[in-house]
N, C-alpha and C. Protein backbone atom coordinates (compact mmCIF):
# COMPACT_ATOMS: atom_id res chain seq x y z
N MET A 1 4.65 2.52 3.42
CA MET A 1 4.24 2.34 4.74
C MET A 1 4.91 1.47 5.44
N LYS A 2 6.10 0.92 5.30
CA LYS A 2 7.05 0.39 6.23
C LYS A 2 7.31 1.55 6.86
N LYS A 3 7.96 2.73 6.43
CA LYS A 3 8.34 4.11 6.68
C LYS A 3 7.41 4.03 8.13
N LEU A 4 6.22 4.09 7.60
CA LEU A 4 4.77 4.39 8.25
C LEU A 4 4.98 3.34 9.71
N PHE A 5 4.60 2.27 9.47
CA PHE A 5 5.29 1.41 10.44
C PHE A 5 6.05 1.86 11.22
N LEU A 6 7.14 1.73 11.10
CA LEU A 6 8.63 2.21 11.76
C LEU A 6 8.38 3.62 12.45
N VAL A 7 7.77 4.55 11.82
CA VAL A 7 7.82 5.96 12.80
C VAL A 7 6.63 4.97 13.95
N LEU A 8 5.62 4.75 14.03
CA LEU A 8 4.60 4.47 14.68
C LEU A 8 5.42 3.67 15.61
N LEU A 9 5.93 2.98 15.54
CA LEU A 9 6.95 1.24 16.55
C LEU A 9 7.79 2.50 17.40
N SER A 10 8.25 3.15 16.82
CA SER A 10 9.45 4.37 17.35
C SER A 10 8.61 5.12 18.69
N ALA A 11 7.36 5.52 17.78
CA ALA A 11 7.02 6.20 18.86
C ALA A 11 5.98 5.21 20.05
N GLY A 12 5.73 4.29 19.83
CA GLY A 12 5.00 3.43 20.77
C GLY A 12 6.44 3.69 21.30
N VAL A 13 7.49 2.73 21.09
CA VAL A 13 8.30 2.61 22.36
C VAL A 13 9.14 3.81 23.27
N PHE A 14 8.62 4.83 22.50
CA PHE A 14 9.49 6.12 23.59
C PHE A 14 8.22 6.39 24.18
N LEU A 15 7.09 6.30 24.13
CA LEU A 15 5.46 6.54 25.16
C LEU A 15 6.14 5.41 26.38
N GLN A 16 6.15 4.31 25.74
CA GLN A 16 6.22 3.35 27.25
C GLN A 16 7.76 3.92 27.50
N SER A 17 8.76 4.06 27.20
CA SER A 17 9.81 4.85 27.90
C SER A 17 9.23 5.71 29.02
N CYS A 18 9.17 6.64 28.41
CA CYS A 18 8.08 7.61 29.44
C CYS A 18 7.71 7.17 30.49
N LYS A 19 6.54 6.53 30.73
CA LYS A 19 5.52 5.82 31.60
C LYS A 19 6.56 5.39 31.92
N ASN A 20 7.64 4.22 31.66
CA ASN A 20 7.97 3.59 32.66
C ASN A 20 9.29 4.29 33.41
N GLN A 21 9.55 5.43 32.80
CA GLN A 21 10.71 6.60 33.23
C GLN A 21 9.45 7.03 35.05
N LYS A 22 8.60 7.63 34.20
CA LYS A 22 7.50 8.24 35.07
C LYS A 22 7.15 7.41 36.41
N ASN A 23 6.80 5.97 36.16
CA ASN A 23 6.79 5.02 37.22
C ASN A 23 7.92 4.70 38.06
N ASP A 24 9.16 4.79 37.60
CA ASP A 24 10.28 4.37 38.31
C ASP A 24 10.54 5.80 39.25
N VAL A 25 9.91 6.98 38.65
CA VAL A 25 10.43 7.75 39.62
C VAL A 25 9.36 8.04 40.73
N SER A 26 8.02 7.33 40.68
CA SER A 26 7.14 7.23 41.51
C SER A 26 7.43 6.57 42.38
N GLN A 27 7.84 5.59 41.94
CA GLN A 27 8.56 4.19 43.18
C GLN A 27 9.59 4.45 43.64
N THR A 28 10.49 5.30 43.52
CA THR A 28 11.40 6.13 43.72
C THR A 28 11.26 7.47 45.01
N LYS A 29 10.24 8.01 44.49
CA LYS A 29 9.33 8.77 45.88
C LYS A 29 9.06 8.33 46.98
N THR A 30 7.99 7.32 46.67
CA THR A 30 7.15 6.35 47.71
C THR A 30 8.53 5.18 48.59
N ILE A 31 9.77 5.49 47.89
CA ILE A 31 10.91 4.37 48.83
C ILE A 31 11.41 5.39 49.51
N GLU A 32 11.89 6.99 49.15
CA GLU A 32 12.17 7.89 49.63
C GLU A 32 11.54 8.42 50.68
N ASN A 33 9.63 8.49 50.51
CA ASN A 33 9.27 8.67 51.76
C ASN A 33 9.26 7.95 52.49
N THR A 34 9.31 6.47 52.15
CA THR A 34 8.85 5.63 53.55
C THR A 34 10.10 5.51 54.12
N MET A 35 11.28 5.70 53.65
CA MET A 35 12.69 5.38 54.40
C MET A 35 12.91 6.69 55.14
N GLY A 36 12.17 7.85 54.73
CA GLY A 36 12.23 8.93 55.51
C GLY A 36 11.12 8.98 56.78
N THR A 37 10.26 7.96 56.70
CA THR A 37 9.40 8.13 58.02
C THR A 37 10.01 6.87 59.17
N THR A 38 10.11 7.80 60.37
CA THR A 38 10.64 7.47 61.45
C THR A 38 9.50 7.27 62.31
N ILE A 39 9.99 6.69 63.83
CA ILE A 39 8.76 6.73 64.77
C ILE A 39 8.68 7.83 65.55
N TYR A 40 9.36 9.24 64.81
CA TYR A 40 9.11 10.49 65.64
C TYR A 40 8.28 11.30 64.71
N ASP A 41 7.69 10.45 63.75
CA ASP A 41 6.45 11.32 62.99
C ASP A 41 5.39 10.88 63.51
N TYR A 42 4.97 10.06 64.71
CA TYR A 42 4.06 9.73 65.52
C TYR A 42 3.67 10.05 66.44
N LYS A 43 2.52 10.52 66.84
CA LYS A 43 2.39 11.36 68.33
C LYS A 43 0.40 10.04 68.50
N VAL A 44 0.59 10.09 69.34
CA VAL A 44 -0.44 9.18 70.10
C VAL A 44 -1.12 9.81 71.42
N GLU A 45 -2.12 9.34 71.76
CA GLU A 45 -2.78 9.77 73.05
C GLU A 45 -2.27 9.07 74.35
N SER A 46 -2.14 9.70 74.66
CA SER A 46 -1.94 9.06 76.36
C SER A 46 -3.02 8.36 76.95
N LEU A 47 -2.96 7.65 78.44
CA LEU A 47 -3.33 6.77 79.14
C LEU A 47 -3.88 8.32 79.75
N ASP A 48 -3.90 9.38 79.85
CA ASP A 48 -4.70 9.91 80.79
C ASP A 48 -4.94 11.31 80.02
N GLY A 49 -5.06 11.17 78.52
CA GLY A 49 -5.99 11.89 77.60
C GLY A 49 -4.85 13.01 77.15
N LYS A 50 -3.29 13.20 77.01
CA LYS A 50 -2.65 14.12 76.63
C LYS A 50 -1.90 13.61 75.68
N GLU A 51 -0.83 13.64 75.09
CA GLU A 51 -0.29 13.18 74.21
C GLU A 51 1.05 13.19 74.32
N ILE A 52 1.24 12.08 73.87
CA ILE A 52 3.23 11.64 73.75
C ILE A 52 3.59 11.60 71.90
N ASN A 53 4.69 12.39 72.31
CA ASN A 53 4.77 12.67 70.73
C ASN A 53 6.09 11.70 70.87
N PHE A 54 6.31 11.13 70.25
CA PHE A 54 7.86 10.37 69.89
C PHE A 54 8.88 10.99 69.47
N ALA A 55 9.01 12.13 69.02
CA ALA A 55 9.96 13.21 68.54
C ALA A 55 10.45 13.60 70.05
N ASP A 56 9.79 13.30 71.16
CA ASP A 56 10.09 14.33 72.52
C ASP A 56 11.41 12.99 72.70
N PHE A 57 11.31 11.76 72.75
CA PHE A 57 12.03 11.04 73.15
C PHE A 57 13.64 10.47 72.23
N LYS A 58 13.76 11.68 70.79
CA LYS A 58 15.42 11.54 70.01
C LYS A 58 16.34 11.25 70.99
N GLY A 59 17.23 10.84 70.56
CA GLY A 59 18.55 10.26 71.32
C GLY A 59 18.58 9.14 71.87
N LYS A 60 17.41 8.17 72.28
CA LYS A 60 17.31 7.26 73.16
C LYS A 60 16.18 6.34 72.71
N LYS A 61 16.75 5.15 72.61
CA LYS A 61 16.24 3.74 72.15
C LYS A 61 14.79 3.72 73.02
N ILE A 62 13.87 3.28 72.20
CA ILE A 62 12.39 3.65 72.60
C ILE A 62 11.92 1.96 72.62
N LEU A 63 11.80 0.99 74.11
CA LEU A 63 10.89 -0.34 73.55
C LEU A 63 9.43 0.08 73.67
N ILE A 64 8.57 -0.31 72.69
CA ILE A 64 7.29 -0.32 72.71
C ILE A 64 6.65 -1.59 72.43
N VAL A 65 5.18 -1.62 73.67
CA VAL A 65 5.17 -2.90 74.25
C VAL A 65 3.33 -2.70 74.02
N ASN A 66 2.92 -3.41 73.25
CA ASN A 66 1.09 -4.17 73.10
C ASN A 66 1.19 -4.94 75.18
N THR A 67 0.28 -4.15 75.70
CA THR A 67 -0.24 -4.55 76.97
C THR A 67 -1.16 -5.08 77.23
N ALA A 68 -1.66 -5.84 78.43
CA ALA A 68 -3.04 -6.51 78.70
C ALA A 68 -2.96 -6.74 79.91
N SER A 69 -4.10 -6.43 81.08
CA SER A 69 -3.57 -6.49 82.42
C SER A 69 -4.07 -7.33 82.71
N GLU A 70 -5.23 -8.56 81.73
CA GLU A 70 -5.46 -10.02 82.23
C GLU A 70 -4.89 -11.01 81.34
N CYS A 71 -3.43 -10.71 81.25
CA CYS A 71 -2.74 -11.71 80.39
C CYS A 71 -2.02 -12.56 81.32
N GLY A 72 -1.24 -13.94 80.61
CA GLY A 72 -0.63 -14.64 81.63
C GLY A 72 1.22 -13.68 81.69
N PHE A 73 1.05 -12.58 80.75
CA PHE A 73 2.16 -12.52 80.30
C PHE A 73 2.07 -10.86 81.17
N THR A 74 0.97 -10.31 81.78
CA THR A 74 1.52 -9.39 82.23
C THR A 74 2.31 -8.74 83.69
N PRO A 75 2.67 -10.41 84.23
CA PRO A 75 3.64 -9.96 85.26
C PRO A 75 4.59 -9.16 84.41
N GLN A 76 5.22 -9.51 83.24
CA GLN A 76 5.98 -8.19 82.06
C GLN A 76 6.29 -7.28 82.52
N TYR A 77 4.90 -6.41 83.11
CA TYR A 77 5.01 -4.93 83.40
C TYR A 77 6.00 -4.62 84.98
N ALA A 78 6.66 -5.35 85.65
CA ALA A 78 7.61 -5.19 86.20
C ALA A 78 8.60 -5.07 85.96
N ASP A 79 9.09 -6.25 85.10
CA ASP A 79 10.43 -6.03 84.38
C ASP A 79 10.19 -4.88 83.58
N LEU A 80 9.55 -4.33 82.54
CA LEU A 80 9.04 -2.99 81.85
C LEU A 80 9.67 -1.78 82.98
N GLU A 81 9.24 -1.98 83.55
CA GLU A 81 9.49 -0.96 84.83
C GLU A 81 10.79 -0.81 85.14
N LYS A 82 11.46 -2.23 85.43
CA LYS A 82 12.73 -2.39 85.95
C LYS A 82 14.04 -1.59 84.98
N LEU A 83 13.15 -2.19 83.85
CA LEU A 83 14.11 -1.84 82.45
C LEU A 83 14.38 -0.07 82.69
N SER A 84 12.79 0.47 82.97
CA SER A 84 12.95 1.79 82.21
C SER A 84 13.98 2.80 83.28
N LYS A 85 13.97 1.92 84.64
CA LYS A 85 14.72 2.50 85.61
C LYS A 85 15.76 2.26 85.87
N GLU A 86 16.46 1.41 84.57
CA GLU A 86 17.83 0.95 85.20
C GLU A 86 18.39 1.39 83.73
N TYR A 87 17.63 1.79 83.13
CA TYR A 87 18.47 2.95 81.52
C TYR A 87 17.28 3.99 81.68
N PRO A 88 17.57 5.10 82.18
CA PRO A 88 16.83 5.87 81.91
C PRO A 88 17.51 7.10 81.33
N ASP A 89 18.35 7.11 80.93
CA ASP A 89 19.33 8.28 80.08
C ASP A 89 18.76 7.97 78.61
N ASN A 90 19.31 6.50 78.62
CA ASN A 90 19.30 5.63 77.12
C ASN A 90 17.88 4.93 76.41
N LEU A 91 16.84 4.80 77.33
CA LEU A 91 15.59 4.00 77.48
C LEU A 91 14.25 5.15 77.46
N VAL A 92 13.25 5.05 76.30
CA VAL A 92 12.27 4.75 77.26
C VAL A 92 10.85 3.34 76.79
N VAL A 93 10.52 3.51 77.67
CA VAL A 93 9.50 2.35 77.51
C VAL A 93 7.92 2.81 77.09
N VAL A 94 7.14 2.53 76.19
CA VAL A 94 5.49 3.06 76.34
C VAL A 94 4.84 1.86 75.90
N GLY A 95 4.29 1.52 76.96
CA GLY A 95 3.38 0.09 76.87
C GLY A 95 1.75 1.01 75.95
N PHE A 96 1.22 -0.03 75.32
CA PHE A 96 0.13 0.70 74.62
C PHE A 96 -0.97 -0.77 74.73
N PRO A 97 -2.02 -0.19 75.78
CA PRO A 97 -2.63 -1.04 76.16
C PRO A 97 -3.81 -1.21 74.73
N ALA A 98 -4.02 -3.05 74.82
CA ALA A 98 -4.59 -3.36 73.63
C ALA A 98 -5.96 -4.78 73.92
N ASN A 99 -7.03 -4.78 73.52
CA ASN A 99 -8.12 -5.97 74.08
C ASN A 99 -8.21 -6.69 72.57
N ASN A 100 -6.81 -6.97 72.13
CA ASN A 100 -7.10 -7.67 70.65
C ASN A 100 -6.73 -9.37 71.18
N PHE A 101 -6.42 -9.47 71.98
CA PHE A 101 -6.47 -10.95 72.14
C PHE A 101 -7.11 -11.59 73.36
N GLY A 102 -7.70 -12.22 72.71
CA GLY A 102 -8.72 -13.11 74.28
C GLY A 102 -9.45 -12.16 75.03
N GLY A 103 -9.44 -10.67 74.63
CA GLY A 103 -10.69 -9.88 76.06
C GLY A 103 -9.63 -9.45 76.83
N GLN A 104 -8.35 -9.24 76.95
CA GLN A 104 -7.61 -9.48 78.18
C GLN A 104 -7.17 -8.55 78.14
N GLU A 105 -7.50 -7.11 78.01
CA GLU A 105 -7.72 -5.79 78.42
C GLU A 105 -9.01 -4.87 78.43
N PRO A 106 -10.03 -5.72 79.02
CA PRO A 106 -11.09 -4.95 78.74
C PRO A 106 -11.65 -3.31 79.81
N GLY A 107 -10.90 -2.93 80.26
CA GLY A 107 -11.17 -2.13 81.18
C GLY A 107 -10.98 -0.55 80.17
N SER A 108 -11.37 0.63 81.05
CA SER A 108 -11.18 2.00 80.45
C SER A 108 -9.86 2.34 80.28
N ASN A 109 -9.38 3.55 80.19
CA ASN A 109 -7.77 3.67 80.26
C ASN A 109 -7.82 4.52 81.55
N GLN A 110 -8.87 4.43 82.37
CA GLN A 110 -8.71 4.98 84.08
C GLN A 110 -8.33 3.68 84.51
N GLU A 111 -9.00 2.74 84.87
CA GLU A 111 -8.85 1.55 85.45
C GLU A 111 -7.63 0.89 84.83
N ILE A 112 -7.10 1.32 83.59
CA ILE A 112 -5.75 0.32 83.45
C ILE A 112 -4.81 0.96 84.04
N GLY A 113 -4.76 2.57 83.99
CA GLY A 113 -3.70 3.19 84.75
C GLY A 113 -3.70 3.08 86.01
N ALA A 114 -5.39 2.85 86.78
CA ALA A 114 -4.86 2.63 88.09
C ALA A 114 -4.38 0.96 88.92
N PHE A 115 -4.65 0.15 87.41
CA PHE A 115 -4.46 -1.04 87.41
C PHE A 115 -2.87 -1.44 87.45
N CYS A 116 -1.83 -0.83 86.36
CA CYS A 116 -0.26 -0.53 86.36
C CYS A 116 -0.13 0.09 87.51
N GLU A 117 -0.18 0.96 87.97
CA GLU A 117 0.12 2.13 88.83
C GLU A 117 0.38 0.81 90.26
N LYS A 118 -1.01 0.56 90.68
CA LYS A 118 -1.20 -0.20 92.19
C LYS A 118 -0.31 -1.36 91.90
N ASN A 119 -0.19 -2.44 91.02
CA ASN A 119 -0.12 -3.75 90.87
C ASN A 119 1.48 -3.77 90.30
N PHE A 120 1.72 -2.99 89.66
CA PHE A 120 3.36 -3.00 89.18
C PHE A 120 4.46 -1.73 89.38
N GLY A 121 3.37 -0.48 89.57
CA GLY A 121 4.49 0.78 90.24
C GLY A 121 4.82 1.30 88.77
N VAL A 122 4.29 1.56 87.68
CA VAL A 122 4.27 1.90 86.45
C VAL A 122 4.44 3.15 86.22
N THR A 123 5.90 3.54 86.12
CA THR A 123 5.81 5.08 86.26
C THR A 123 5.73 5.77 84.55
N PHE A 124 6.62 4.41 83.79
CA PHE A 124 6.73 4.34 82.03
C PHE A 124 5.63 5.42 81.47
N PRO A 125 5.60 5.73 80.21
CA PRO A 125 4.07 6.59 79.45
C PRO A 125 3.49 5.04 79.09
N LEU A 126 2.30 5.22 79.46
CA LEU A 126 1.08 4.21 78.55
C LEU A 126 0.31 5.00 77.87
N ALA A 127 0.35 4.55 76.54
CA ALA A 127 -0.86 5.36 75.43
C ALA A 127 -2.13 4.76 76.13
N ALA A 128 -3.12 5.16 75.18
CA ALA A 128 -4.37 4.70 75.71
C ALA A 128 -4.70 3.86 74.56
N LYS A 129 -5.89 3.07 75.15
CA LYS A 129 -5.78 1.82 74.49
C LYS A 129 -5.86 1.83 73.57
N VAL A 130 -5.13 0.95 71.72
CA VAL A 130 -5.19 1.09 70.50
C VAL A 130 -6.09 -0.70 70.41
N SER A 131 -6.01 -0.15 68.91
CA SER A 131 -5.55 -1.58 68.26
C SER A 131 -4.62 -1.99 67.40
N VAL A 132 -3.92 -3.40 68.01
CA VAL A 132 -2.86 -3.51 67.53
C VAL A 132 -2.89 -4.34 66.23
N LYS A 133 -3.95 -4.91 65.78
CA LYS A 133 -4.29 -5.76 64.41
C LYS A 133 -5.29 -5.54 63.90
N GLY A 134 -5.73 -6.21 62.76
CA GLY A 134 -6.82 -6.15 62.10
C GLY A 134 -7.05 -4.55 60.86
N ALA A 135 -8.11 -4.73 60.77
CA ALA A 135 -8.75 -3.14 59.71
C ALA A 135 -8.22 -1.92 60.70
N ASP A 136 -8.78 -2.13 62.31
CA ASP A 136 -8.54 -0.41 62.81
C ASP A 136 -7.25 -0.58 63.65
N THR A 137 -6.27 -1.34 63.04
CA THR A 137 -4.76 -1.37 63.63
C THR A 137 -4.25 0.35 63.80
N ALA A 138 -3.95 0.82 64.91
CA ALA A 138 -3.57 2.16 65.00
C ALA A 138 -2.32 2.48 64.31
N PRO A 139 -2.36 3.60 63.55
CA PRO A 139 -1.00 3.61 62.42
C PRO A 139 0.40 3.29 62.91
N ILE A 140 0.45 3.71 64.54
CA ILE A 140 1.85 3.55 64.84
C ILE A 140 2.18 2.18 64.56
N PHE A 141 1.69 1.02 64.96
CA PHE A 141 1.43 -0.45 64.73
C PHE A 141 1.70 -0.84 63.15
N LYS A 142 0.70 0.01 62.48
CA LYS A 142 1.26 -0.12 60.68
C LYS A 142 2.50 -0.33 60.92
N TYR A 143 3.10 1.06 61.12
CA TYR A 143 4.58 1.59 60.74
C TYR A 143 5.47 0.41 61.45
N LEU A 144 5.20 -0.07 62.39
CA LEU A 144 5.77 -1.02 63.10
C LEU A 144 6.14 -2.03 62.81
N THR A 145 5.19 -2.96 62.29
CA THR A 145 4.96 -4.03 61.72
C THR A 145 4.87 -4.25 60.08
N GLU A 146 4.58 -3.12 59.37
CA GLU A 146 5.07 -3.52 58.02
C GLU A 146 6.26 -3.12 57.72
N LYS A 147 7.33 -3.77 56.83
CA LYS A 147 8.54 -3.76 56.06
C LYS A 147 8.17 -2.63 55.50
N ASP A 148 7.56 -2.31 54.55
CA ASP A 148 7.49 -1.27 53.72
C ASP A 148 6.84 -0.12 54.41
N LEU A 149 7.15 -0.42 55.21
CA LEU A 149 6.57 1.30 56.06
C LEU A 149 8.36 1.85 57.19
N ASN A 150 8.20 0.56 57.80
CA ASN A 150 9.25 0.79 58.87
C ASN A 150 10.97 0.23 57.90
N GLY A 151 10.86 -0.09 56.73
CA GLY A 151 12.18 -0.72 56.36
C GLY A 151 12.90 -1.48 56.89
N VAL A 152 12.55 -2.51 57.99
CA VAL A 152 13.10 -3.54 58.75
C VAL A 152 12.77 -4.78 58.09
N LYS A 153 11.14 -5.08 58.70
CA LYS A 153 10.69 -6.26 58.23
C LYS A 153 9.59 -6.29 59.21
N ASN A 154 8.47 -7.13 58.54
CA ASN A 154 7.27 -7.60 58.86
C ASN A 154 7.21 -8.37 60.17
N THR A 155 6.21 -8.10 61.33
CA THR A 155 6.22 -8.90 62.52
C THR A 155 4.31 -8.83 62.44
N THR A 156 4.30 -9.95 62.74
CA THR A 156 2.51 -10.69 63.01
C THR A 156 2.91 -10.33 64.70
N ILE A 157 1.68 -9.26 64.88
CA ILE A 157 1.66 -9.75 66.78
C ILE A 157 0.87 -10.54 66.76
N LEU A 158 1.18 -11.97 67.46
CA LEU A 158 0.51 -12.89 67.79
C LEU A 158 -0.17 -12.72 69.27
N TRP A 159 0.39 -12.18 70.08
CA TRP A 159 -0.36 -12.23 71.51
C TRP A 159 0.17 -10.56 72.47
N ASN A 160 -0.25 -10.51 73.43
CA ASN A 160 -0.13 -9.51 74.27
C ASN A 160 1.50 -9.33 74.61
N PHE A 161 2.27 -8.60 74.70
CA PHE A 161 3.41 -8.02 75.07
C PHE A 161 4.69 -8.69 74.23
N THR A 162 4.06 -8.19 72.89
CA THR A 162 4.97 -8.50 71.74
C THR A 162 5.59 -6.76 72.18
N LYS A 163 7.18 -6.86 71.84
CA LYS A 163 7.85 -5.53 71.68
C LYS A 163 8.50 -5.23 70.30
N PHE A 164 8.79 -3.65 70.27
CA PHE A 164 8.83 -3.59 69.43
C PHE A 164 10.44 -2.60 69.98
N LEU A 165 11.57 -2.52 69.44
CA LEU A 165 12.93 -1.79 69.65
C LEU A 165 13.15 -0.65 68.92
N VAL A 166 13.07 0.11 69.02
CA VAL A 166 13.66 0.89 68.28
C VAL A 166 14.87 2.38 68.44
N ASP A 167 15.63 2.55 67.20
CA ASP A 167 17.03 2.85 67.91
C ASP A 167 17.21 4.99 68.49
N GLU A 168 18.02 5.24 68.71
CA GLU A 168 18.07 6.68 68.76
C GLU A 168 17.89 7.34 67.56
N ASN A 169 17.77 6.83 66.69
CA ASN A 169 17.57 7.83 65.63
C ASN A 169 16.12 7.54 64.56
N GLY A 170 15.11 6.65 65.82
CA GLY A 170 13.91 6.95 65.76
C GLY A 170 13.63 5.42 64.45
N HIS A 171 14.55 4.27 64.24
CA HIS A 171 14.12 3.33 63.25
C HIS A 171 14.06 2.19 64.08
N LEU A 172 13.25 1.29 63.66
CA LEU A 172 12.83 0.16 64.35
C LEU A 172 14.16 -0.63 64.06
N ILE A 173 14.55 -1.58 65.48
CA ILE A 173 16.36 -2.44 65.27
C ILE A 173 15.55 -3.81 64.98
N ASP A 174 14.37 -4.17 65.77
CA ASP A 174 13.85 -5.30 65.40
C ASP A 174 12.53 -5.59 66.79
N SER A 175 11.84 -6.93 66.25
CA SER A 175 10.61 -7.10 67.22
C SER A 175 10.76 -8.26 68.03
N PHE A 176 10.25 -8.40 69.22
CA PHE A 176 10.42 -9.66 69.95
C PHE A 176 9.14 -10.10 70.70
N ILE A 177 9.11 -11.50 70.60
CA ILE A 177 7.52 -12.30 70.76
C ILE A 177 7.34 -12.28 72.39
N SER A 178 6.11 -12.74 72.73
CA SER A 178 6.06 -12.49 73.83
C SER A 178 6.38 -13.07 74.94
N THR A 179 7.04 -14.24 74.75
CA THR A 179 7.51 -14.78 75.50
C THR A 179 9.28 -14.43 75.72
N THR A 180 9.62 -13.58 75.04
CA THR A 180 10.95 -12.80 75.46
C THR A 180 10.63 -11.31 76.40
N LYS A 181 11.46 -11.96 77.94
CA LYS A 181 11.41 -11.04 78.83
C LYS A 181 12.08 -9.51 78.50
N PRO A 182 11.32 -8.52 79.09
CA PRO A 182 12.37 -7.49 78.66
C PRO A 182 13.39 -7.24 79.10
N THR A 183 13.73 -7.86 80.10
CA THR A 183 15.12 -8.07 80.48
C THR A 183 15.83 -9.06 80.22
N SER A 184 15.35 -9.34 79.12
CA SER A 184 16.65 -10.31 78.33
C SER A 184 17.79 -10.25 77.51
N ASP A 185 18.84 -10.98 77.68
CA ASP A 185 19.88 -10.00 77.09
C ASP A 185 19.80 -9.84 75.69
N SER A 186 18.21 -10.81 74.60
CA SER A 186 17.97 -10.41 73.40
C SER A 186 17.75 -8.69 73.76
N ILE A 187 16.86 -8.05 74.37
CA ILE A 187 16.90 -6.91 73.87
C ILE A 187 17.96 -5.98 75.01
N THR A 188 18.30 -6.26 76.36
CA THR A 188 19.16 -5.71 76.97
C THR A 188 20.46 -5.69 76.37
N LYS A 189 20.84 -6.22 75.18
CA LYS A 189 22.41 -5.89 74.42
C LYS A 189 22.34 -4.98 73.57
N TYR A 190 21.13 -4.22 73.45
CA TYR A 190 21.09 -3.44 72.07
C TYR A 190 21.19 -2.23 73.25
N LEU A 191 20.95 -2.05 74.72
CA LEU A 191 21.06 -0.88 76.11
C LEU A 191 22.01 -0.87 76.14
N LYS A 192 23.65 -1.55 76.35
CA LYS A 192 24.75 -1.50 76.84
C LYS A 192 25.75 -0.64 76.05
């Protein structure tokens, strides 16, 4: 009876060990898959209905900003345009209009484009309007805000004009709150 008990106990330990090893392999694969994800894995619709393929920006830093036309931070469009003109060889700015905060981006994609061009001379790429928080968060913003996906940090987008800086290899460097001006040293130190 004692031998049977030891055999069953040994078999149980062996089976649990196999199960743990399988879980470890599964977790390792999940981590490897997450760490292999970069911004280059994302394509989004542009404001004019075409496609923005982030793989096209390999070798440049990318500043991604959730924007709105009726926000107190809307004048930052001018600084974003200035930044894109000042660093054309090593930076791409991409704006993502979103209506998540105070209904401050109510317009259609066409209205948003006309507003940005007329008022701020925006020439950098603008994505079609998306959601940057909640159940319908755009996949690219899930990547940017979740450490499990970007490997760097969790970020809660608190308002319009939150900024995400991505390096030349497609990995998140950092995020910046709305009050951080695009031309501030907090951002430009990475561009020099």
